[in-house]
């Protein structure tokens, strides 16, 4: 009698929410995989690490941005959208662009 009761006890077929746990697990695995893929695709692993870095987005264009991380602070600088800066300054060096696109900076002493 006990054996038959165990074999005939199919309560999970009666519960319509039984498969929701598996769907939730699948959604969590998908979300983690998507986050890992985005981090590796956009090379933002530097943002997570403790290293200091400077990154230039859209160099030489009107919407150029400089992103700098120093310690735990992240600073973002945007171009002035075609406006020239005003103020006093001095020449600190010369930059040359080679035929292959590489830019070499030579500081003045």
PDB file of N, CA and C in Angstrom:
ATOM      1  N   UNK A   1       0.823  -1.194   0.000  1.00  0.00           N
ATOM      2  CA  UNK A   1       0.000   0.000   0.000  1.00  0.00           C
ATOM      3  C   UNK A   1       0.874   1.268   0.000  1.00  0.00           C
ATOM      4  N   UNK A   2       1.903   1.243   0.804  1.00  0.00           N
ATOM      5  CA  UNK A   2       2.785   2.399   0.850  1.00  0.00           C
ATOM      6  C   UNK A   2       3.462   2.625  -0.487  1.00  0.00           C
ATOM      7  N   UNK A   3       3.884   1.582  -1.111  1.00  0.00           N
ATOM      8  CA  UNK A   3       4.572   1.701  -2.393  1.00  0.00           C
ATOM      9  C   UNK A   3       3.662   2.327  -3.446  1.00  0.00           C
ATOM     10  N   UNK A   4       2.429   1.942  -3.469  1.00  0.00           N
ATOM     11  CA  UNK A   4       1.499   2.517  -4.440  1.00  0.00           C
ATOM     12  C   UNK A   4       1.237   3.990  -4.169  1.00  0.00           C
ATOM     13  N   UNK A   5       1.158   4.340  -2.907  1.00  0.00           N
ATOM     14  CA  UNK A   5       0.908   5.737  -2.577  1.00  0.00           C
ATOM     15  C   UNK A   5       2.085   6.619  -3.033  1.00  0.00           C
ATOM     16  N   UNK A   6       3.316   6.123  -2.911  1.00  0.00           N
ATOM     17  CA  UNK A   6       4.485   6.866  -3.330  1.00  0.00           C
ATOM     18  C   UNK A   6       4.516   7.015  -4.858  1.00  0.00           C
ATOM     19  N   UNK A   7       4.183   5.974  -5.568  1.00  0.00           N
ATOM     20  CA  UNK A   7       4.191   6.026  -7.013  1.00  0.00           C
ATOM     21  C   UNK A   7       3.068   6.896  -7.567  1.00  0.00           C
ATOM     22  N   UNK A   8       1.956   6.937  -6.903  1.00  0.00           N
ATOM     23  CA  UNK A   8       0.814   7.707  -7.379  1.00  0.00           C
ATOM     24  C   UNK A   8       0.820   9.158  -6.875  1.00  0.00           C
ATOM     25  N   UNK A   9       1.822   9.532  -6.119  1.00  0.00           N
ATOM     26  CA  UNK A   9       1.875  10.886  -5.552  1.00  0.00           C
ATOM     27  C   UNK A   9       2.556  11.830  -6.550  1.00  0.00           C
ATOM     28  N   UNK A  10       1.827  12.334  -7.499  1.00  0.00           N
ATOM     29  CA  UNK A  10       2.337  13.247  -8.519  1.00  0.00           C
ATOM     30  C   UNK A  10       1.769  14.646  -8.296  1.00  0.00           C
ATOM     31  N   UNK A  11       2.075  15.230  -7.140  1.00  0.00           N
ATOM     32  CA  UNK A  11       1.542  16.548  -6.817  1.00  0.00           C
ATOM     33  C   UNK A  11       2.140  17.638  -7.690  1.00  0.00           C
ATOM     34  N   UNK A  12       3.350  17.439  -8.213  1.00  0.00           N
ATOM     35  CA  UNK A  12       3.971  18.484  -9.007  1.00  0.00           C
ATOM     36  C   UNK A  12       3.264  18.679 -10.342  1.00  0.00           C
ATOM     37  N   UNK A  13       2.510  17.703 -10.803  1.00  0.00           N
ATOM     38  CA  UNK A  13       1.735  17.886 -12.025  1.00  0.00           C
ATOM     39  C   UNK A  13       0.534  18.790 -11.800  1.00  0.00           C
ATOM     40  N   UNK A  14       0.053  18.839 -10.576  1.00  0.00           N
ATOM     41  CA  UNK A  14      -1.113  19.653 -10.262  1.00  0.00           C
ATOM     42  C   UNK A  14      -0.758  21.115 -10.015  1.00  0.00           C
ATOM     43  N   UNK A  15       0.521  21.425  -9.750  1.00  0.00           N
ATOM     44  CA  UNK A  15       0.933  22.787  -9.409  1.00  0.00           C
ATOM     45  C   UNK A  15       1.371  23.526 -10.671  1.00  0.00           C
ATOM     46  N   UNK A  16       0.623  24.556 -11.115  1.00  0.00           N
ATOM     47  CA  UNK A  16       0.999  25.275 -12.337  1.00  0.00           C
ATOM     48  C   UNK A  16       2.238  26.160 -12.151  1.00  0.00           C
ATOM     49  N   UNK A  17       2.618  26.473 -10.917  1.00  0.00           N
ATOM     50  CA  UNK A  17       3.776  27.338 -10.662  1.00  0.00           C
ATOM     51  C   UNK A  17       5.070  26.545 -10.467  1.00  0.00           C
ATOM     52  N   UNK A  18       5.042  25.244 -10.660  1.00  0.00           N
ATOM     53  CA  UNK A  18       6.221  24.410 -10.409  1.00  0.00           C
ATOM     54  C   UNK A  18       7.368  24.766 -11.355  1.00  0.00           C
ATOM     55  N   UNK A  19       7.094  25.155 -12.572  1.00  0.00           N
ATOM     56  CA  UNK A  19       8.149  25.471 -13.529  1.00  0.00           C
ATOM     57  C   UNK A  19       8.694  26.881 -13.419  1.00  0.00           C
ATOM     58  N   UNK A  20       8.104  27.728 -12.598  1.00  0.00           N
ATOM     59  CA  UNK A  20       8.555  29.111 -12.483  1.00  0.00           C
ATOM     60  C   UNK A  20       9.945  29.214 -11.864  1.00  0.00           C
ATOM     61  N   UNK A  21      10.290  28.320 -10.963  1.00  0.00           N
ATOM     62  CA  UNK A  21      11.627  28.352 -10.361  1.00  0.00           C
ATOM     63  C   UNK A  21      12.686  28.122 -11.428  1.00  0.00           C
ATOM     64  N   UNK A  22      12.431  27.212 -12.337  1.00  0.00           N
ATOM     65  CA  UNK A  22      13.387  26.950 -13.412  1.00  0.00           C
ATOM     66  C   UNK A  22      13.493  28.148 -14.348  1.00  0.00           C
ATOM     67  N   UNK A  23      12.400  28.835 -14.625  1.00  0.00           N
ATOM     68  CA  UNK A  23      12.439  30.019 -15.476  1.00  0.00           C
ATOM     69  C   UNK A  23      13.213  31.161 -14.816  1.00  0.00           C
ATOM     70  N   UNK A  24      13.046  31.302 -13.501  1.00  0.00           N
ATOM     71  CA  UNK A  24      13.793  32.325 -12.771  1.00  0.00           C
ATOM     72  C   UNK A  24      15.287  32.030 -12.816  1.00  0.00           C
ATOM     73  N   UNK A  25      15.677  30.793 -12.604  1.00  0.00           N
ATOM     74  CA  UNK A  25      17.086  30.415 -12.682  1.00  0.00           C
ATOM     75  C   UNK A  25      17.640  30.685 -14.072  1.00  0.00           C
ATOM     76  N   UNK A  26      16.891  30.365 -15.086  1.00  0.00           N
ATOM     77  CA  UNK A  26      17.320  30.611 -16.458  1.00  0.00           C
ATOM     78  C   UNK A  26      17.486  32.111 -16.721  1.00  0.00           C
ATOM     79  N   UNK A  27      16.579  32.918 -16.211  1.00  0.00           N
ATOM     80  CA  UNK A  27      16.669  34.366 -16.387  1.00  0.00           C
ATOM     81  C   UNK A  27      17.891  34.934 -15.666  1.00  0.00           C
ATOM     82  N   UNK A  28      18.209  34.436 -14.502  1.00  0.00           N
ATOM     83  CA  UNK A  28      19.388  34.905 -13.768  1.00  0.00           C
ATOM     84  C   UNK A  28      20.671  34.542 -14.497  1.00  0.00           C
ATOM     85  N   UNK A  29      20.764  33.339 -15.030  1.00  0.00           N
ATOM     86  CA  UNK A  29      21.945  32.930 -15.792  1.00  0.00           C
ATOM     87  C   UNK A  29      22.083  33.798 -17.046  1.00  0.00           C
ATOM     88  N   UNK A  30      20.984  34.073 -17.727  1.00  0.00           N
ATOM     89  CA  UNK A  30      21.005  34.920 -18.917  1.00  0.00           C
ATOM     90  C   UNK A  30      21.456  36.335 -18.571  1.00  0.00           C
ATOM     91  N   UNK A  31      20.973  36.896 -17.458  1.00  0.00           N
ATOM     92  CA  UNK A  31      21.334  38.258 -17.066  1.00  0.00           C
ATOM     93  C   UNK A  31      22.822  38.356 -16.734  1.00  0.00           C
ATOM     94  N   UNK A  32      23.351  37.381 -16.026  1.00  0.00           N
ATOM     95  CA  UNK A  32      24.776  37.394 -15.693  1.00  0.00           C
ATOM     96  C   UNK A  32      25.619  37.247 -16.955  1.00  0.00           C
ATOM     97  N   UNK A  33      25.223  36.367 -17.855  1.00  0.00           N
ATOM     98  CA  UNK A  33      25.964  36.197 -19.113  1.00  0.00           C
ATOM     99  C   UNK A  33      25.924  37.469 -19.951  1.00  0.00           C
ATOM    100  N   UNK A  34      24.793  38.160 -19.962  1.00  0.00           N
ATOM    101  CA  UNK A  34      24.674  39.410 -20.705  1.00  0.00           C
ATOM    102  C   UNK A  34      25.578  40.494 -20.109  1.00  0.00           C
ATOM    103  N   UNK A  35      25.631  40.592 -18.793  1.00  0.00           N
ATOM    104  CA  UNK A  35      26.497  41.585 -18.159  1.00  0.00           C
ATOM    105  C   UNK A  35      27.970  41.300 -18.447  1.00  0.00           C
ATOM    106  N   UNK A  36      28.375  40.044 -18.379  1.00  0.00           N
ATOM    107  CA  UNK A  36      29.764  39.690 -18.673  1.00  0.00           C
ATOM    108  C   UNK A  36      30.096  40.013 -20.131  1.00  0.00           C
ATOM    109  N   UNK A  37      29.179  39.710 -21.037  1.00  0.00           N
ATOM    110  CA  UNK A  37      29.408  39.991 -22.456  1.00  0.00           C
ATOM    111  C   UNK A  37      29.537  41.491 -22.704  1.00  0.00           C
ATOM    112  N   UNK A  38      28.709  42.307 -22.070  1.00  0.00           N
ATOM    113  CA  UNK A  38      28.782  43.757 -22.256  1.00  0.00           C
ATOM    114  C   UNK A  38      30.068  44.342 -21.682  1.00  0.00           C
ATOM    115  N   UNK A  39      30.494  43.843 -20.533  1.00  0.00           N
ATOM    116  CA  UNK A  39      31.731  44.340 -19.920  1.00  0.00           C
ATOM    117  C   UNK A  39      32.925  44.020 -20.810  1.00  0.00           C
ATOM    118  N   UNK A  40      32.977  42.822 -21.354  1.00  0.00           N
ATOM    119  CA  UNK A  40      34.106  42.469 -22.211  1.00  0.00           C
ATOM    120  C   UNK A  40      34.018  43.146 -23.576  1.00  0.00           C
ATOM    121  N   UNK A  41      32.826  43.367 -24.093  1.00  0.00           N
ATOM    122  CA  UNK A  41      32.656  43.980 -25.414  1.00  0.00           C
ATOM    123  C   UNK A  41      33.077  45.444 -25.421  1.00  0.00           C
ATOM    124  N   UNK A  42      32.697  46.174 -24.388  1.00  0.00           N
ATOM    125  CA  UNK A  42      32.979  47.599 -24.338  1.00  0.00           C
ATOM    126  C   UNK A  42      34.248  47.926 -23.566  1.00  0.00           C
ATOM    127  N   UNK A  43      35.036  46.934 -23.227  1.00  0.00           N
ATOM    128  CA  UNK A  43      36.336  47.109 -22.570  1.00  0.00           C
ATOM    129  C   UNK A  43      36.246  48.000 -21.335  1.00  0.00           C
ATOM    130  N   UNK A  44      35.290  47.748 -20.486  1.00  0.00           N
ATOM    131  CA  UNK A  44      35.163  48.526 -19.265  1.00  0.00           C
ATOM    132  C   UNK A  44      35.704  47.763 -18.068  1.00  0.00           C
ATOM    133  N   UNK A  45      36.554  46.782 -18.333  1.00  0.00           N
ATOM    134  CA  UNK A  45      37.160  46.047 -17.223  1.00  0.00           C
ATOM    135  C   UNK A  45      38.068  46.957 -16.408  1.00  0.00           C
ATOM    136  N   UNK A  46      38.590  48.035 -17.022  1.00  0.00           N
ATOM    137  CA  UNK A  46      39.421  48.976 -16.284  1.00  0.00           C
ATOM    138  C   UNK A  46      38.614  49.699 -15.204  1.00  0.00           C
ATOM    139  N   UNK A  47      37.341  49.919 -15.462  1.00  0.00           N
ATOM    140  CA  UNK A  47      36.495  50.601 -14.478  1.00  0.00           C
ATOM    141  C   UNK A  47      36.353  49.775 -13.199  1.00  0.00           C
ATOM    142  N   UNK A  48      36.409  48.464 -13.332  1.00  0.00           N
ATOM    143  CA  UNK A  48      36.225  47.582 -12.185  1.00  0.00           C
ATOM    144  C   UNK A  48      37.521  47.416 -11.409  1.00  0.00           C
ATOM    145  N   UNK A  49      38.657  47.453 -12.090  1.00  0.00           N
ATOM    146  CA  UNK A  49      39.940  47.209 -11.434  1.00  0.00           C
ATOM    147  C   UNK A  49      40.369  48.430 -10.619  1.00  0.00           C
ATOM    148  N   UNK A  50      41.468  48.279  -9.881  1.00  0.00           N
ATOM    149  CA  UNK A  50      41.987  49.361  -9.042  1.00  0.00           C
ATOM    150  C   UNK A  50      43.015  50.222  -9.765  1.00  0.00           C
ATOM    151  N   UNK A  51      43.280  49.946 -11.035  1.00  0.00           N
ATOM    152  CA  UNK A  51      44.285  50.684 -11.783  1.00  0.00           C
ATOM    153  C   UNK A  51      43.762  52.060 -12.198  1.00  0.00           C
ATOM    154  N   UNK A  52      44.670  53.043 -12.252  1.00  0.00           N
ATOM    155  CA  UNK A  52      44.337  54.374 -12.771  1.00  0.00           C
ATOM    156  C   UNK A  52      44.466  54.343 -14.290  1.00  0.00           C
ATOM    157  N   UNK A  53      43.582  55.055 -14.989  1.00  0.00           N
ATOM    158  CA  UNK A  53      43.655  55.084 -16.448  1.00  0.00           C
ATOM    159  C   UNK A  53      42.986  56.340 -16.985  1.00  0.00           C
ATOM    160  N   UNK A  54      43.300  56.632 -18.252  1.00  0.00           N
ATOM    161  CA  UNK A  54      42.669  57.725 -18.994  1.00  0.00           C
ATOM    162  C   UNK A  54      42.221  57.176 -20.331  1.00  0.00           C
ATOM    163  N   UNK A  55      40.975  57.466 -20.723  1.00  0.00           N
ATOM    164  CA  UNK A  55      40.423  56.958 -21.968  1.00  0.00           C
ATOM    165  C   UNK A  55      39.832  58.131 -22.757  1.00  0.00           C
ATOM    166  N   UNK A  56      40.070  58.145 -24.064  1.00  0.00           N
ATOM    167  CA  UNK A  56      39.542  59.194 -24.927  1.00  0.00           C
ATOM    168  C   UNK A  56      38.505  58.570 -25.852  1.00  0.00           C
ATOM    169  N   UNK A  57      37.282  59.079 -25.810  1.00  0.00           N
ATOM    170  CA  UNK A  57      36.218  58.621 -26.705  1.00  0.00           C
ATOM    171  C   UNK A  57      36.065  59.620 -27.836  1.00  0.00           C
ATOM    172  N   UNK A  58      35.918  59.146 -29.061  1.00  0.00           N
ATOM    173  CA  UNK A  58      35.744  59.974 -30.256  1.00  0.00           C
ATOM    174  C   UNK A  58      36.847  61.026 -30.383  1.00  0.00           C
ATOM    175  N   UNK A  59      38.115  60.611 -30.452  1.00  0.00           N
ATOM    176  CA  UNK A  59      39.200  61.597 -30.497  1.00  0.00           C
ATOM    177  C   UNK A  59      39.146  62.457 -31.759  1.00  0.00           C
ATOM    178  N   UNK A  60      39.349  63.758 -31.585  1.00  0.00           N
ATOM    179  CA  UNK A  60      39.394  64.691 -32.685  1.00  0.00           C
ATOM    180  C   UNK A  60      38.049  65.120 -33.223  1.00  0.00           C
ATOM    181  N   UNK A  61      36.964  64.666 -32.635  1.00  0.00           N
ATOM    182  CA  UNK A  61      35.629  65.045 -33.105  1.00  0.00           C
ATOM    183  C   UNK A  61      35.008  66.050 -32.142  1.00  0.00           C
ATOM    184  N   UNK A  62      33.890  66.633 -32.559  1.00  0.00           N
ATOM    185  CA  UNK A  62      33.226  67.643 -31.731  1.00  0.00           C
ATOM    186  C   UNK A  62      32.656  67.060 -30.442  1.00  0.00           C
ATOM    187  N   UNK A  63      32.323  65.773 -30.442  1.00  0.00           N
ATOM    188  CA  UNK A  63      31.753  65.148 -29.241  1.00  0.00           C
ATOM    189  C   UNK A  63      32.791  64.336 -28.476  1.00  0.00           C
ATOM    190  N   UNK A  64      34.056  64.739 -28.544  1.00  0.00           N
ATOM    191  CA  UNK A  64      35.135  64.035 -27.860  1.00  0.00           C
ATOM    192  C   UNK A  64      34.954  64.117 -26.354  1.00  0.00           C
ATOM    193  N   UNK A  65      35.250  63.010 -25.670  1.00  0.00           N
ATOM    194  CA  UNK A  65      35.177  62.957 -24.215  1.00  0.00           C
ATOM    195  C   UNK A  65      36.450  62.325 -23.684  1.00  0.00           C
ATOM    196  N   UNK A  66      36.907  62.813 -22.543  1.00  0.00           N
ATOM    197  CA  UNK A  66      38.053  62.226 -21.860  1.00  0.00           C
ATOM    198  C   UNK A  66      37.545  61.704 -20.525  1.00  0.00           C
ATOM    199  N   UNK A  67      37.753  60.413 -20.291  1.00  0.00           N
ATOM    200  CA  UNK A  67      37.325  59.781 -19.051  1.00  0.00           C
ATOM    201  C   UNK A  67      38.585  59.393 -18.290  1.00  0.00           C
ATOM    202  N   UNK A  68      38.684  59.855 -17.059  1.00  0.00           N
ATOM    203  CA  UNK A  68      39.881  59.622 -16.256  1.00  0.00           C
ATOM    204  C   UNK A  68      39.488  58.999 -14.936  1.00  0.00           C
ATOM    205  N   UNK A  69      40.165  57.910 -14.579  1.00  0.00           N
ATOM    206  CA  UNK A  69      39.911  57.257 -13.293  1.00  0.00           C
ATOM    207  C   UNK A  69      41.171  57.349 -12.460  1.00  0.00           C
ATOM    208  N   UNK A  70      41.034  57.923 -11.288  1.00  0.00           N
ATOM    209  CA  UNK A  70      42.151  58.033 -10.366  1.00  0.00           C
ATOM    210  C   UNK A  70      41.656  57.572  -9.004  1.00  0.00           C
ATOM    211  N   UNK A  71      42.136  56.423  -8.580  1.00  0.00           N
ATOM    212  CA  UNK A  71      41.653  55.839  -7.334  1.00  0.00           C
ATOM    213  C   UNK A  71      40.227  55.351  -7.517  1.00  0.00           C
ATOM    214  N   UNK A  72      39.323  55.842  -6.680  1.00  0.00           N
ATOM    215  CA  UNK A  72      37.922  55.441  -6.799  1.00  0.00           C
ATOM    216  C   UNK A  72      37.070  56.507  -7.473  1.00  0.00           C
ATOM    217  N   UNK A  73      37.679  57.638  -7.858  1.00  0.00           N
ATOM    218  CA  UNK A  73      36.912  58.705  -8.500  1.00  0.00           C
ATOM    219  C   UNK A  73      37.063  58.624 -10.016  1.00  0.00           C
ATOM    220  N   UNK A  74      35.988  58.874 -10.716  1.00  0.00           N
ATOM    221  CA  UNK A  74      35.967  58.887 -12.172  1.00  0.00           C
ATOM    222  C   UNK A  74      35.526  60.278 -12.614  1.00  0.00           C
ATOM    223  N   UNK A  75      36.364  60.925 -13.433  1.00  0.00           N
ATOM    224  CA  UNK A  75      36.065  62.261 -13.932  1.00  0.00           C
ATOM    225  C   UNK A  75      35.822  62.183 -15.430  1.00  0.00           C
ATOM    226  N   UNK A  76      34.881  62.982 -15.912  1.00  0.00           N
ATOM    227  CA  UNK A  76      34.526  62.987 -17.328  1.00  0.00           C
ATOM    228  C   UNK A  76      34.602  64.420 -17.844  1.00  0.00           C
ATOM    229  N   UNK A  77      35.410  64.623 -18.872  1.00  0.00           N
ATOM    230  CA  UNK A  77      35.560  65.940 -19.485  1.00  0.00           C
ATOM    231  C   UNK A  77      34.989  65.880 -20.891  1.00  0.00           C
ATOM    232  N   UNK A  78      34.234  66.897 -21.275  1.00  0.00           N
ATOM    233  CA  UNK A  78      33.669  66.973 -22.619  1.00  0.00           C
ATOM    234  C   UNK A  78      34.293  68.132 -23.375  1.00  0.00           C
ATOM    235  N   UNK A  79      34.335  68.012 -24.702  1.00  0.00           N
ATOM    236  CA  UNK A  79      34.852  69.087 -25.549  1.00  0.00           C
ATOM    237  C   UNK A  79      33.895  70.274 -25.481  1.00  0.00           C
ATOM    238  N   UNK A  80      34.389  71.456 -25.830  1.00  0.00           N
ATOM    239  CA  UNK A  80      33.597  72.694 -25.747  1.00  0.00           C
ATOM    240  C   UNK A  80      32.693  72.917 -26.948  1.00  0.00           C
ATOM    241  N   UNK A  81      32.443  71.929 -27.752  1.00  0.00           N
ATOM    242  CA  UNK A  81      31.536  72.005 -28.902  1.00  0.00           C
ATOM    243  C   UNK A  81      31.873  73.171 -29.833  1.00  0.00           C
ATOM    244  N   UNK A  82      33.129  73.258 -30.258  1.00  0.00           N
ATOM    245  CA  UNK A  82      33.531  74.268 -31.222  1.00  0.00           C
ATOM    246  C   UNK A  82      33.925  75.598 -30.616  1.00  0.00           C
ATOM    247  N   UNK A  83      33.737  75.781 -29.330  1.00  0.00           N
ATOM    248  CA  UNK A  83      34.122  77.040 -28.698  1.00  0.00           C
ATOM    249  C   UNK A  83      35.606  76.971 -28.354  1.00  0.00           C
ATOM    250  N   UNK A  84      36.290  78.074 -28.538  1.00  0.00           N
ATOM    251  CA  UNK A  84      37.702  78.112 -28.174  1.00  0.00           C
ATOM    252  C   UNK A  84      37.832  78.516 -26.714  1.00  0.00           C
ATOM    253  N   UNK A  85      38.861  77.981 -26.063  1.00  0.00           N
ATOM    254  CA  UNK A  85      39.058  78.347 -24.669  1.00  0.00           C
ATOM    255  C   UNK A  85      39.771  79.692 -24.586  1.00  0.00           C
ATOM    256  N   UNK A  86      39.485  80.383 -23.520  1.00  0.00           N
ATOM    257  CA  UNK A  86      40.083  81.701 -23.316  1.00  0.00           C
ATOM    258  C   UNK A  86      40.946  81.629 -22.072  1.00  0.00           C
ATOM    259  N   UNK A  87      41.971  82.414 -22.075  1.00  0.00           N
ATOM    260  CA  UNK A  87      42.845  82.470 -20.914  1.00  0.00           C
ATOM    261  C   UNK A  87      44.288  82.473 -21.336  1.00  0.00           C
ATOM    262  N   UNK A  88      45.142  82.554 -20.359  1.00  0.00           N
ATOM    263  CA  UNK A  88      46.570  82.592 -20.624  1.00  0.00           C
ATOM    264  C   UNK A  88      47.131  81.186 -20.507  1.00  0.00           C
ATOM    265  N   UNK A  89      48.115  80.909 -21.320  1.00  0.00           N
ATOM    266  CA  UNK A  89      48.754  79.611 -21.288  1.00  0.00           C
ATOM    267  C   UNK A  89      50.108  79.687 -21.956  1.00  0.00           C
ATOM    268  N   UNK A  90      50.777  78.574 -22.003  1.00  0.00           N
ATOM    269  CA  UNK A  90      52.073  78.530 -22.652  1.00  0.00           C
ATOM    270  C   UNK A  90      52.197  77.239 -23.439  1.00  0.00           C
ATOM    271  N   UNK A  91      53.043  77.257 -24.433  1.00  0.00           N
ATOM    272  CA  UNK A  91      53.272  76.089 -25.267  1.00  0.00           C
ATOM    273  C   UNK A  91      54.126  75.092 -24.485  1.00  0.00           C
ATOM    274  N   UNK A  92      53.675  73.854 -24.424  1.00  0.00           N
ATOM    275  CA  UNK A  92      54.402  72.860 -23.635  1.00  0.00           C
ATOM    276  C   UNK A  92      55.032  71.780 -24.509  1.00  0.00           C
ATOM    277  N   UNK A  93      54.766  71.794 -25.802  1.00  0.00           N
ATOM    278  CA  UNK A  93      55.370  70.792 -26.664  1.00  0.00           C
ATOM    279  C   UNK A  93      54.744  70.797 -28.038  1.00  0.00           C
ATOM    280  N   UNK A  94      55.170  69.841 -28.860  1.00  0.00           N
ATOM    281  CA  UNK A  94      54.687  69.731 -30.225  1.00  0.00           C
ATOM    282  C   UNK A  94      54.242  68.300 -30.469  1.00  0.00           C
ATOM    283  N   UNK A  95      53.147  68.135 -31.193  1.00  0.00           N
ATOM    284  CA  UNK A  95      52.652  66.808 -31.545  1.00  0.00           C
ATOM    285  C   UNK A  95      52.747  66.628 -33.058  1.00  0.00           C
ATOM    286  N   UNK A  96      53.226  65.449 -33.479  1.00  0.00           N
ATOM    287  CA  UNK A  96      53.340  65.123 -34.900  1.00  0.00           C
ATOM    288  C   UNK A  96      52.539  63.859 -35.173  1.00  0.00           C
ATOM    289  N   UNK A  97      51.803  63.867 -36.297  1.00  0.00           N
ATOM    290  CA  UNK A  97      51.073  62.665 -36.696  1.00  0.00           C
ATOM    291  C   UNK A  97      51.827  62.012 -37.852  1.00  0.00           C
ATOM    292  N   UNK A  98      52.164  60.733 -37.673  1.00  0.00           N
ATOM    293  CA  UNK A  98      52.892  59.989 -38.689  1.00  0.00           C
ATOM    294  C   UNK A  98      51.937  59.495 -39.769  1.00  0.00           C
ATOM    295  N   UNK A  99      52.495  58.941 -40.838  1.00  0.00           N
ATOM    296  CA  UNK A  99      51.683  58.457 -41.958  1.00  0.00           C
ATOM    297  C   UNK A  99      50.742  57.328 -41.551  1.00  0.00           C
ATOM    298  N   UNK A 100      51.141  56.528 -40.565  1.00  0.00           N
ATOM    299  CA  UNK A 100      50.302  55.408 -40.142  1.00  0.00           C
ATOM    300  C   UNK A 100      49.232  55.838 -39.130  1.00  0.00           C
ATOM    301  N   UNK A 101      49.146  57.125 -38.814  1.00  0.00           N
ATOM    302  CA  UNK A 101      48.115  57.618 -37.908  1.00  0.00           C
ATOM    303  C   UNK A 101      48.594  57.782 -36.482  1.00  0.00           C
ATOM    304  N   UNK A 102      49.769  57.279 -36.155  1.00  0.00           N
ATOM    305  CA  UNK A 102      50.299  57.380 -34.804  1.00  0.00           C
ATOM    306  C   UNK A 102      50.695  58.825 -34.511  1.00  0.00           C
ATOM    307  N   UNK A 103      50.434  59.279 -33.297  1.00  0.00           N
ATOM    308  CA  UNK A 103      50.763  60.645 -32.901  1.00  0.00           C
ATOM    309  C   UNK A 103      51.901  60.597 -31.878  1.00  0.00           C
ATOM    310  N   UNK A 104      52.921  61.397 -32.131  1.00  0.00           N
ATOM    311  CA  UNK A 104      54.076  61.471 -31.240  1.00  0.00           C
ATOM    312  C   UNK A 104      54.103  62.869 -30.630  1.00  0.00           C
ATOM    313  N   UNK A 105      54.220  62.919 -29.313  1.00  0.00           N
ATOM    314  CA  UNK A 105      54.290  64.196 -28.601  1.00  0.00           C
ATOM    315  C   UNK A 105      55.732  64.420 -28.138  1.00  0.00           C
ATOM    316  N   UNK A 106      56.262  65.590 -28.428  1.00  0.00           N
ATOM    317  CA  UNK A 106      57.621  65.947 -28.002  1.00  0.00           C
ATOM    318  C   UNK A 106      57.524  67.158 -27.097  1.00  0.00           C
ATOM    319  N   UNK A 107      57.790  66.972 -25.790  1.00  0.00           N
ATOM    320  CA  UNK A 107      57.690  68.111 -24.852  1.00  0.00           C
ATOM    321  C   UNK A 107      58.854  69.077 -25.053  1.00  0.00           C
ATOM    322  N   UNK A 108      58.586  70.351 -24.824  1.00  0.00           N
ATOM    323  CA  UNK A 108      59.634  71.371 -24.882  1.00  0.00           C
ATOM    324  C   UNK A 108      60.266  71.497 -23.513  1.00  0.00           C
ATOM    325  N   UNK A 109      61.563  71.736 -23.512  1.00  0.00           N
ATOM    326  CA  UNK A 109      62.257  71.848 -22.224  1.00  0.00           C
ATOM    327  C   UNK A 109      62.522  73.269 -21.854  1.00  0.00           C
TER     328      UNK A 109
END
